[in-house]
C-alpha atoms as a PDB file:
ATOM      1  CA  MET A   1      17.102 -15.110  -1.376  1.00  0.00           C
ATOM      2  CA  GLU A   2      17.705 -12.397   1.372  1.00  0.00           C
ATOM      3  CA  VAL A   3      16.109  -9.625   2.810  1.00  0.00           C
ATOM      4  CA  THR A   4      17.959  -5.994   2.998  1.00  0.00           C
ATOM      5  CA  LEU A   5      17.340  -2.595   4.095  1.00  0.00           C
ATOM      6  CA  SER A   6      16.952  -0.625   0.811  1.00  0.00           C
ATOM      7  CA  HIS A   7      18.519   3.031   1.144  1.00  0.00           C
ATOM      8  CA  ASP A   8      20.037   3.757  -2.568  1.00  0.00           C
ATOM      9  CA  PRO A   9      18.401   5.727  -5.339  1.00  0.00           C
ATOM     10  CA  GLN A  10      19.273   3.353  -7.854  1.00  0.00           C
ATOM     11  CA  ASP A  11      16.897   1.537  -6.453  1.00  0.00           C
ATOM     12  CA  ILE A  12      13.561   3.520  -7.070  1.00  0.00           C
ATOM     13  CA  PRO A  13      13.038   3.090 -10.279  1.00  0.00           C
ATOM     14  CA  VAL A  14      13.358  -0.802 -10.080  1.00  0.00           C
ATOM     15  CA  LEU A  15      10.646  -0.394  -7.220  1.00  0.00           C
ATOM     16  CA  GLY A  16       8.469   1.931  -8.797  1.00  0.00           C
ATOM     17  CA  GLU A  17       8.190  -0.499 -11.362  1.00  0.00           C
ATOM     18  CA  LEU A  18       7.358  -3.354  -8.951  1.00  0.00           C
ATOM     19  CA  ASN A  19       4.839  -1.807  -7.417  1.00  0.00           C
ATOM     20  CA  ARG A  20       3.391  -0.708 -11.174  1.00  0.00           C
ATOM     21  CA  LEU A  21       3.722  -4.482 -11.921  1.00  0.00           C
ATOM     22  CA  ALA A  22       2.058  -6.026  -9.120  1.00  0.00           C
ATOM     23  CA  TYR A  23      -0.811  -2.941  -8.553  1.00  0.00           C
ATOM     24  CA  THR A  24      -1.639  -2.449 -11.864  1.00  0.00           C
ATOM     25  CA  PRO A  25      -3.483  -5.967 -12.201  1.00  0.00           C
ATOM     26  CA  GLU A  26      -5.914  -4.958  -8.872  1.00  0.00           C
ATOM     27  CA  LEU A  27      -9.648  -4.222  -9.763  1.00  0.00           C
ATOM     28  CA  ALA A  28      -9.289  -0.415  -8.355  1.00  0.00           C
ATOM     29  CA  SER A  29      -6.960   0.462 -10.899  1.00  0.00           C
ATOM     30  CA  ARG A  30      -8.921   0.068 -13.500  1.00  0.00           C
ATOM     31  CA  PHE A  31     -11.008   3.216 -12.040  1.00  0.00           C
ATOM     32  CA  ALA A  32      -8.537   4.944 -10.682  1.00  0.00           C
ATOM     33  CA  PHE A  33      -6.284   5.331 -13.458  1.00  0.00           C
ATOM     34  CA  ARG A  34      -8.551   7.302 -17.145  1.00  0.00           C
ATOM     35  CA  ASN A  35      -6.590   5.448 -19.250  1.00  0.00           C
ATOM     36  CA  TRP A  36      -6.009   1.970 -17.351  1.00  0.00           C
ATOM     37  CA  PRO A  37      -3.367   0.381 -17.382  1.00  0.00           C
ATOM     38  CA  ASP A  38      -2.066   3.454 -18.701  1.00  0.00           C
ATOM     39  CA  VAL A  39       1.739   2.107 -18.573  1.00  0.00           C
ATOM     40  CA  ASP A  40       3.467   5.546 -18.708  1.00  0.00           C
ATOM     41  CA  ASN A  41       1.561   7.991 -16.044  1.00  0.00           C
ATOM     42  CA  ALA A  42       1.625   4.468 -13.876  1.00  0.00           C
ATOM     43  CA  ARG A  43       4.961   4.340 -13.847  1.00  0.00           C
ATOM     44  CA  GLN A  44       5.449   7.895 -12.978  1.00  0.00           C
ATOM     45  CA  PHE A  45       2.854   7.282 -10.644  1.00  0.00           C
ATOM     46  CA  TYR A  46       4.566   4.931  -8.481  1.00  0.00           C
ATOM     47  CA  ARG A  47       7.359   5.959  -8.912  1.00  0.00           C
ATOM     48  CA  ALA A  48       7.183   8.993  -7.021  1.00  0.00           C
ATOM     49  CA  ARG A  49       5.253   6.834  -4.376  1.00  0.00           C
ATOM     50  CA  VAL A  50       8.092   4.922  -3.687  1.00  0.00           C
ATOM     51  CA  THR A  51      10.687   8.602  -3.907  1.00  0.00           C
ATOM     52  CA  GLU A  52       8.489   9.579  -1.336  1.00  0.00           C
ATOM     53  CA  ARG A  53       8.811   6.522   0.923  1.00  0.00           C
ATOM     54  CA  MET A  54      12.476   5.978   0.566  1.00  0.00           C
ATOM     55  CA  ALA A  55      12.624   9.877   1.763  1.00  0.00           C
ATOM     56  CA  HIS A  56      10.706   9.569   4.940  1.00  0.00           C
ATOM     57  CA  PRO A  57      12.914   9.644   8.111  1.00  0.00           C
ATOM     58  CA  ALA A  58      10.276   7.474  10.120  1.00  0.00           C
ATOM     59  CA  SER A  59      10.544   4.847   7.320  1.00  0.00           C
ATOM     60  CA  LYS A  60      12.703   1.807   6.530  1.00  0.00           C
ATOM     61  CA  VAL A  61      12.118   0.128   2.810  1.00  0.00           C
ATOM     62  CA  PHE A  62      13.142  -3.929   2.929  1.00  0.00           C
ATOM     63  CA  LYS A  63      13.918  -5.278  -0.673  1.00  0.00           C
ATOM     64  CA  ALA A  64      14.152  -9.434  -1.463  1.00  0.00           C
ATOM     65  CA  VAL A  65      17.151  -9.939  -3.377  1.00  0.00           C
ATOM     66  CA  ASP A  66      17.620 -13.005  -5.338  1.00  0.00           C
ATOM     67  CA  ILE A  67      21.190 -13.928  -4.297  1.00  0.00           C
ATOM     68  CA  ALA A  68      22.603 -15.886  -7.517  1.00  0.00           C
ATOM     69  CA  THR A  69      21.300 -12.538  -9.837  1.00  0.00           C
ATOM     70  CA  GLY A  70      21.344  -9.631  -7.805  1.00  0.00           C
ATOM     71  CA  GLU A  71      17.298  -9.545  -8.804  1.00  0.00           C
ATOM     72  CA  ILE A  72      14.927  -7.612  -6.834  1.00  0.00           C
ATOM     73  CA  LEU A  73      11.913  -9.791  -6.342  1.00  0.00           C
ATOM     74  CA  GLY A  74       9.895  -7.385  -4.184  1.00  0.00           C
ATOM     75  CA  PHE A  75       9.623  -4.861  -1.642  1.00  0.00           C
ATOM     76  CA  VAL A  76       7.775  -3.534   1.458  1.00  0.00           C
ATOM     77  CA  ALA A  77       7.747  -0.478   3.170  1.00  0.00           C
ATOM     78  CA  LEU A  78       7.572   0.230   7.143  1.00  0.00           C
ATOM     79  CA  THR A  79       6.629   3.433   8.980  1.00  0.00           C
ATOM     80  CA  LEU A  80       6.925   3.891  12.563  1.00  0.00           C
ATOM     81  CA  GLU A  81       3.995   6.278  14.045  1.00  0.00           C
ATOM     82  CA  GLU A  82       3.342   8.092  16.562  1.00  0.00           C
ATOM     83  CA  ALA A  83      -0.156   8.224  17.870  1.00  0.00           C
ATOM     84  CA  GLU A  84      -1.022  11.425  16.300  1.00  0.00           C
ATOM     85  CA  ASP A  85       0.568  11.098  13.015  1.00  0.00           C
ATOM     86  CA  GLY A  86      -0.622  10.797   9.823  1.00  0.00           C
ATOM     87  CA  HIS A  87      -0.063   8.382   6.844  1.00  0.00           C
ATOM     88  CA  GLU A  88       2.290   9.324   3.944  1.00  0.00           C
ATOM     89  CA  GLY A  89       1.425   7.855   0.912  1.00  0.00           C
ATOM     90  CA  PHE A  90       0.066   9.583  -2.492  1.00  0.00           C
ATOM     91  CA  GLY A  91       1.763  13.300  -1.656  1.00  0.00           C
ATOM     92  CA  ASP A  92      -0.368  15.918  -2.706  1.00  0.00           C
ATOM     93  CA  VAL A  93      -3.126  13.111  -3.627  1.00  0.00           C
ATOM     94  CA  VAL A  94      -3.513  12.326   0.263  1.00  0.00           C
ATOM     95  CA  LYS A  95      -3.855  16.124   0.728  1.00  0.00           C
ATOM     96  CA  ALA A  96      -6.758  15.888  -1.796  1.00  0.00           C
ATOM     97  CA  MET A  97      -8.226  13.282   0.281  1.00  0.00           C
ATOM     98  CA  GLU A  98      -8.067  14.670   2.947  1.00  0.00           C
ATOM     99  CA  ASN A  99      -9.508  17.985   1.751  1.00  0.00           C
ATOM    100  CA  PRO A 100     -11.721  17.124  -1.338  1.00  0.00           C
ATOM    101  CA  THR A 101     -12.495  21.439  -1.998  1.00  0.00           C
ATOM    102  CA  MET A 102     -12.019  22.261  -5.557  1.00  0.00           C
ATOM    103  CA  LYS A 103      -8.352  23.166  -5.038  1.00  0.00           C
ATOM    104  CA  ALA A 104      -7.546  20.544  -3.619  1.00  0.00           C
ATOM    105  CA  VAL A 105      -8.903  18.291  -6.422  1.00  0.00           C
ATOM    106  CA  GLN A 106      -6.774  20.612  -8.745  1.00  0.00           C
ATOM    107  CA  MET A 107      -3.574  18.528  -6.762  1.00  0.00           C
ATOM    108  CA  LEU A 108      -4.643  15.293  -8.519  1.00  0.00           C
ATOM    109  CA  PRO A 109      -2.467  14.647 -11.773  1.00  0.00           C
ATOM    110  CA  GLU A 110      -5.123  14.442 -14.999  1.00  0.00           C
ATOM    111  CA  PHE A 111      -4.516  10.867 -15.243  1.00  0.00           C
ATOM    112  CA  LEU A 112      -6.532   9.710 -12.467  1.00  0.00           C
ATOM    113  CA  ASN A 113      -9.970   9.491 -11.629  1.00  0.00           C
ATOM    114  CA  GLN A 114     -10.462  12.389  -9.916  1.00  0.00           C
ATOM    115  CA  GLU A 115     -13.691  11.742  -8.279  1.00  0.00           C
ATOM    116  CA  PHE A 116     -13.075   7.835  -7.659  1.00  0.00           C
ATOM    117  CA  ILE A 117      -9.926   8.799  -6.192  1.00  0.00           C
ATOM    118  CA  LEU A 118     -11.521  11.064  -3.863  1.00  0.00           C
ATOM    119  CA  THR A 119     -14.554   8.724  -2.990  1.00  0.00           C
ATOM    120  CA  SER A 120     -12.083   5.730  -2.454  1.00  0.00           C
ATOM    121  CA  GLY A 121      -8.976   7.550  -0.835  1.00  0.00           C
ATOM    122  CA  ALA A 122     -12.098   8.940   1.860  1.00  0.00           C
ATOM    123  CA  MET A 123     -13.129   5.497   2.845  1.00  0.00           C
ATOM    124  CA  ILE A 124      -9.238   4.139   3.241  1.00  0.00           C
ATOM    125  CA  LYS A 125      -8.644   7.870   4.702  1.00  0.00           C
ATOM    126  CA  GLY A 126     -11.469   6.664   7.208  1.00  0.00           C
ATOM    127  CA  LEU A 127      -9.609   2.595   8.034  1.00  0.00           C
ATOM    128  CA  GLN A 128      -6.158   4.974   8.559  1.00  0.00           C
ATOM    129  CA  ASP A 129      -7.599   7.058  11.309  1.00  0.00           C
ATOM    130  CA  ARG A 130      -8.563   4.136  13.529  1.00  0.00           C
ATOM    131  CA  MET A 131      -4.971   3.628  13.926  1.00  0.00           C
ATOM    132  CA  LYS A 132      -4.284   6.812  15.793  1.00  0.00           C
ATOM    133  CA  GLY A 133      -4.346   6.604  19.438  1.00  0.00           C
ATOM    134  CA  GLY A 134      -0.691   4.760  20.182  1.00  0.00           C
ATOM    135  CA  ARG A 135       2.795   4.450  18.965  1.00  0.00           C
ATOM    136  CA  HIS A 136       2.612   1.393  16.356  1.00  0.00           C
ATOM    137  CA  TYR A 137       4.290   0.748  12.851  1.00  0.00           C
ATOM    138  CA  TYR A 138       2.405   0.821   9.618  1.00  0.00           C
ATOM    139  CA  ILE A 139       3.090  -0.982   6.841  1.00  0.00           C
ATOM    140  CA  SER A 140       1.659   0.581   3.780  1.00  0.00           C
ATOM    141  CA  THR A 141       3.282  -1.232   1.006  1.00  0.00           C
ATOM    142  CA  LEU A 142       3.935  -4.940   0.221  1.00  0.00           C
ATOM    143  CA  VAL A 143       5.043  -5.384  -3.084  1.00  0.00           C
ATOM    144  CA  VAL A 144       6.087  -8.830  -5.132  1.00  0.00           C
ATOM    145  CA  SER A 145       7.085  -9.188  -8.525  1.00  0.00           C
ATOM    146  CA  PRO A 146       4.065 -10.942 -10.661  1.00  0.00           C
ATOM    147  CA  GLN A 147       6.049 -13.508 -11.435  1.00  0.00           C
ATOM    148  CA  TYR A 148       7.103 -14.527  -8.343  1.00  0.00           C
ATOM    149  CA  GLN A 149       4.317 -14.178  -6.290  1.00  0.00           C
ATOM    150  CA  ARG A 150       2.817 -17.256  -4.464  1.00  0.00           C
ATOM    151  CA  LYS A 151       6.447 -18.512  -3.464  1.00  0.00           C
ATOM    152  CA  GLY A 152       6.675 -17.187   0.037  1.00  0.00           C
ATOM    153  CA  ILE A 153       8.501 -14.144  -0.869  1.00  0.00           C
ATOM    154  CA  GLY A 154       6.129 -11.660   0.770  1.00  0.00           C
ATOM    155  CA  ALA A 155       5.445 -13.597   3.645  1.00  0.00           C
ATOM    156  CA  GLN A 156       9.842 -13.290   4.356  1.00  0.00           C
ATOM    157  CA  LEU A 157       8.783  -9.627   4.097  1.00  0.00           C
ATOM    158  CA  MET A 158       5.896  -9.535   6.347  1.00  0.00           C
ATOM    159  CA  ARG A 159       8.277 -10.938   8.614  1.00  0.00           C
ATOM    160  CA  LYS A 160      10.934  -9.188   8.379  1.00  0.00           C
ATOM    161  CA  CYS A 161       8.482  -6.206   9.418  1.00  0.00           C
ATOM    162  CA  LEU A 162       7.097  -7.926  12.427  1.00  0.00           C
ATOM    163  CA  GLU A 163      10.792  -8.290  13.319  1.00  0.00           C
ATOM    164  CA  GLU A 164      11.432  -4.937  13.437  1.00  0.00           C
ATOM    165  CA  ALA A 165       8.128  -4.340  15.372  1.00  0.00           C
ATOM    166  CA  ASN A 166       8.223  -7.435  18.421  1.00  0.00           C
ATOM    167  CA  LYS A 167      12.003  -5.850  18.998  1.00  0.00           C
ATOM    168  CA  GLU A 168      10.663  -1.929  19.575  1.00  0.00           C
ATOM    169  CA  GLY A 169       6.970  -3.936  21.409  1.00  0.00           C
ATOM    170  CA  LEU A 170       4.764  -2.432  19.351  1.00  0.00           C
ATOM    171  CA  PRO A 171       1.787  -2.891  16.908  1.00  0.00           C
ATOM    172  CA  THR A 172       1.450  -3.222  13.627  1.00  0.00           C
ATOM    173  CA  TRP A 173      -1.090  -2.148  11.262  1.00  0.00           C
ATOM    174  CA  LEU A 174      -1.798  -2.295   7.013  1.00  0.00           C
ATOM    175  CA  ILE A 175      -4.463  -1.638   5.021  1.00  0.00           C
ATOM    176  CA  SER A 176      -5.505  -5.074   3.313  1.00  0.00           C
ATOM    177  CA  PHE A 177      -6.889  -5.099  -0.422  1.00  0.00           C
ATOM    178  CA  PRO A 178      -8.749  -8.049  -1.082  1.00  0.00           C
ATOM    179  CA  GLY A 179      -6.378 -10.085  -3.043  1.00  0.00           C
ATOM    180  CA  SER A 180      -3.561  -9.793   0.538  1.00  0.00           C
ATOM    181  CA  HIS A 181      -5.525  -9.938   2.897  1.00  0.00           C
ATOM    182  CA  GLU A 182      -5.654 -14.403   3.435  1.00  0.00           C
ATOM    183  CA  LEU A 183      -1.717 -13.608   3.547  1.00  0.00           C
ATOM    184  CA  TYR A 184      -2.225 -11.220   6.130  1.00  0.00           C
ATOM    185  CA  LEU A 185      -4.358 -13.331   8.152  1.00  0.00           C
ATOM    186  CA  LYS A 186      -1.339 -16.136   8.526  1.00  0.00           C
ATOM    187  CA  LEU A 187       0.440 -13.665   9.705  1.00  0.00           C
ATOM    188  CA  GLY A 188      -1.568 -13.245  12.923  1.00  0.00           C
ATOM    189  CA  PHE A 189      -3.521  -9.510  11.831  1.00  0.00           C
ATOM    190  CA  VAL A 190      -7.372  -9.667  12.594  1.00  0.00           C
ATOM    191  CA  ASP A 191      -9.765  -7.577  11.013  1.00  0.00           C
ATOM    192  CA  VAL A 192     -10.288  -4.495  12.918  1.00  0.00           C
ATOM    193  CA  GLU A 193     -12.804  -2.181  10.152  1.00  0.00           C
ATOM    194  CA  HIS A 194     -13.253  -2.561   6.490  1.00  0.00           C
ATOM    195  CA  SER A 195     -14.664  -0.714   3.783  1.00  0.00           C
ATOM    196  CA  ASP A 196     -16.643  -1.628   0.749  1.00  0.00           C
ATOM    197  CA  VAL A 197     -16.285   0.232  -2.550  1.00  0.00           C
ATOM    198  CA  ASP A 198     -18.884  -0.444  -5.156  1.00  0.00           C
ATOM    199  CA  LEU A 199     -17.271  -0.764  -9.245  1.00  0.00           C
ATOM    200  CA  ASN A 200     -20.024  -1.307 -10.374  1.00  0.00           C
ATOM    201  CA  GLU A 201     -21.150   2.122  -9.639  1.00  0.00           C
ATOM    202  CA  TRP A 202     -18.460   3.695 -11.878  1.00  0.00           C
ATOM    203  CA  ASP A 203     -18.401   0.550 -14.844  1.00  0.00           C
ATOM    204  CA  GLY A 204     -20.348   3.668 -16.728  1.00  0.00           C
ATOM    205  CA  GLY A 205     -23.003   0.919 -17.336  1.00  0.00           C
ATOM    206  CA  ARG A 206     -21.351  -2.184 -18.863  1.00  0.00           C
ATOM    207  CA  CYS A 207     -22.306  -3.818 -16.656  1.00  0.00           C
ATOM    208  CA  ARG A 208     -19.230  -6.576 -16.626  1.00  0.00           C
ATOM    209  CA  GLY A 209     -19.999  -7.366 -12.780  1.00  0.00           C
ATOM    210  CA  TYR A 210     -17.005  -6.193 -11.201  1.00  0.00           C
ATOM    211  CA  GLY A 211     -19.302  -6.292  -7.148  1.00  0.00           C
ATOM    212  CA  ILE A 212     -18.060  -4.785  -4.312  1.00  0.00           C
ATOM    213  CA  TYR A 213     -13.887  -4.176  -3.289  1.00  0.00           C
ATOM    214  CA  ARG A 214     -13.070  -4.679   0.389  1.00  0.00           C
ATOM    215  CA  SER A 215     -10.307  -2.997   2.134  1.00  0.00           C
ATOM    216  CA  TYR A 216      -9.469  -4.170   5.479  1.00  0.00           C
ATOM    217  CA  ALA A 217      -7.587  -2.129   8.751  1.00  0.00           C
ATOM    218  CA  MET A 218      -5.774  -4.621  10.074  1.00  0.00           C
ATOM    219  CA  ARG A 219      -3.941  -4.541  13.171  1.00  0.00           C
ATOM    220  CA  ARG A 220      -1.025  -7.436  14.579  1.00  0.00           C
ATOM    221  CA  GLY A 221      -0.607  -6.690  18.374  1.00  0.00           C
ATOM    222  CA  ILE A 222       2.750  -7.527  19.958  1.00  0.00           C
ATOM    223  CA  GLY A 223       4.406 -10.367  19.637  1.00  0.00           C
ATOM    224  CA  GLY A 224       1.364 -11.782  17.914  1.00  0.00           C
ATOM    225  CA  GLU A 225      -1.214 -11.341  20.155  1.00  0.00           C
ATOM    226  CA  ASN A 226      -4.345  -9.511  19.983  1.00  0.00           C
ATOM    227  CA  GLU A 227      -6.355  -8.197  22.305  1.00  0.00           C
END
């Protein structure tokens, strides 16, 4: 397997589909999409996210490719941010998160649960706001095809990003969801803050016991050193 820079628009459908397959099983996705798993709309949504990341002038998308078959197994998106930069992400969805007015809500696609997106999005934005105050790298997406997870591919993609950060002498930030938290800890990231969403409150009284969904703002210092 090799990790290379992805700048070919022909990769977008594949990367978008990997993003959908990897993120749809996340518990939060059950509440973010009105008709989960909502394959058609989710495919459109994640393809748009990948398109936005590849077009961002300060972002790099690295893909993990099986050398023998040419199959893309996963990818990661890394963005260089200045001290006061905002965060790339969902385009109009991010605007709605930052400005939850009626007009902003109308920006959200109908297939998304607007109330849940705005509530959880505000919490994520609060975590992202902890990243301001200095030049840094931000890892906005890490995806590995479900059938190739737990084979070290995610760690290899992350190490590529950390090599870039180390060359520049900059810290790296990310938002971690529960399933990837242990990986990031092993790679030298530390928790700075966390935010909780009680999914039981969004379950329509079905008492399925989803519990707390915790997101973490995490930081890895320059060369792995954390203050």
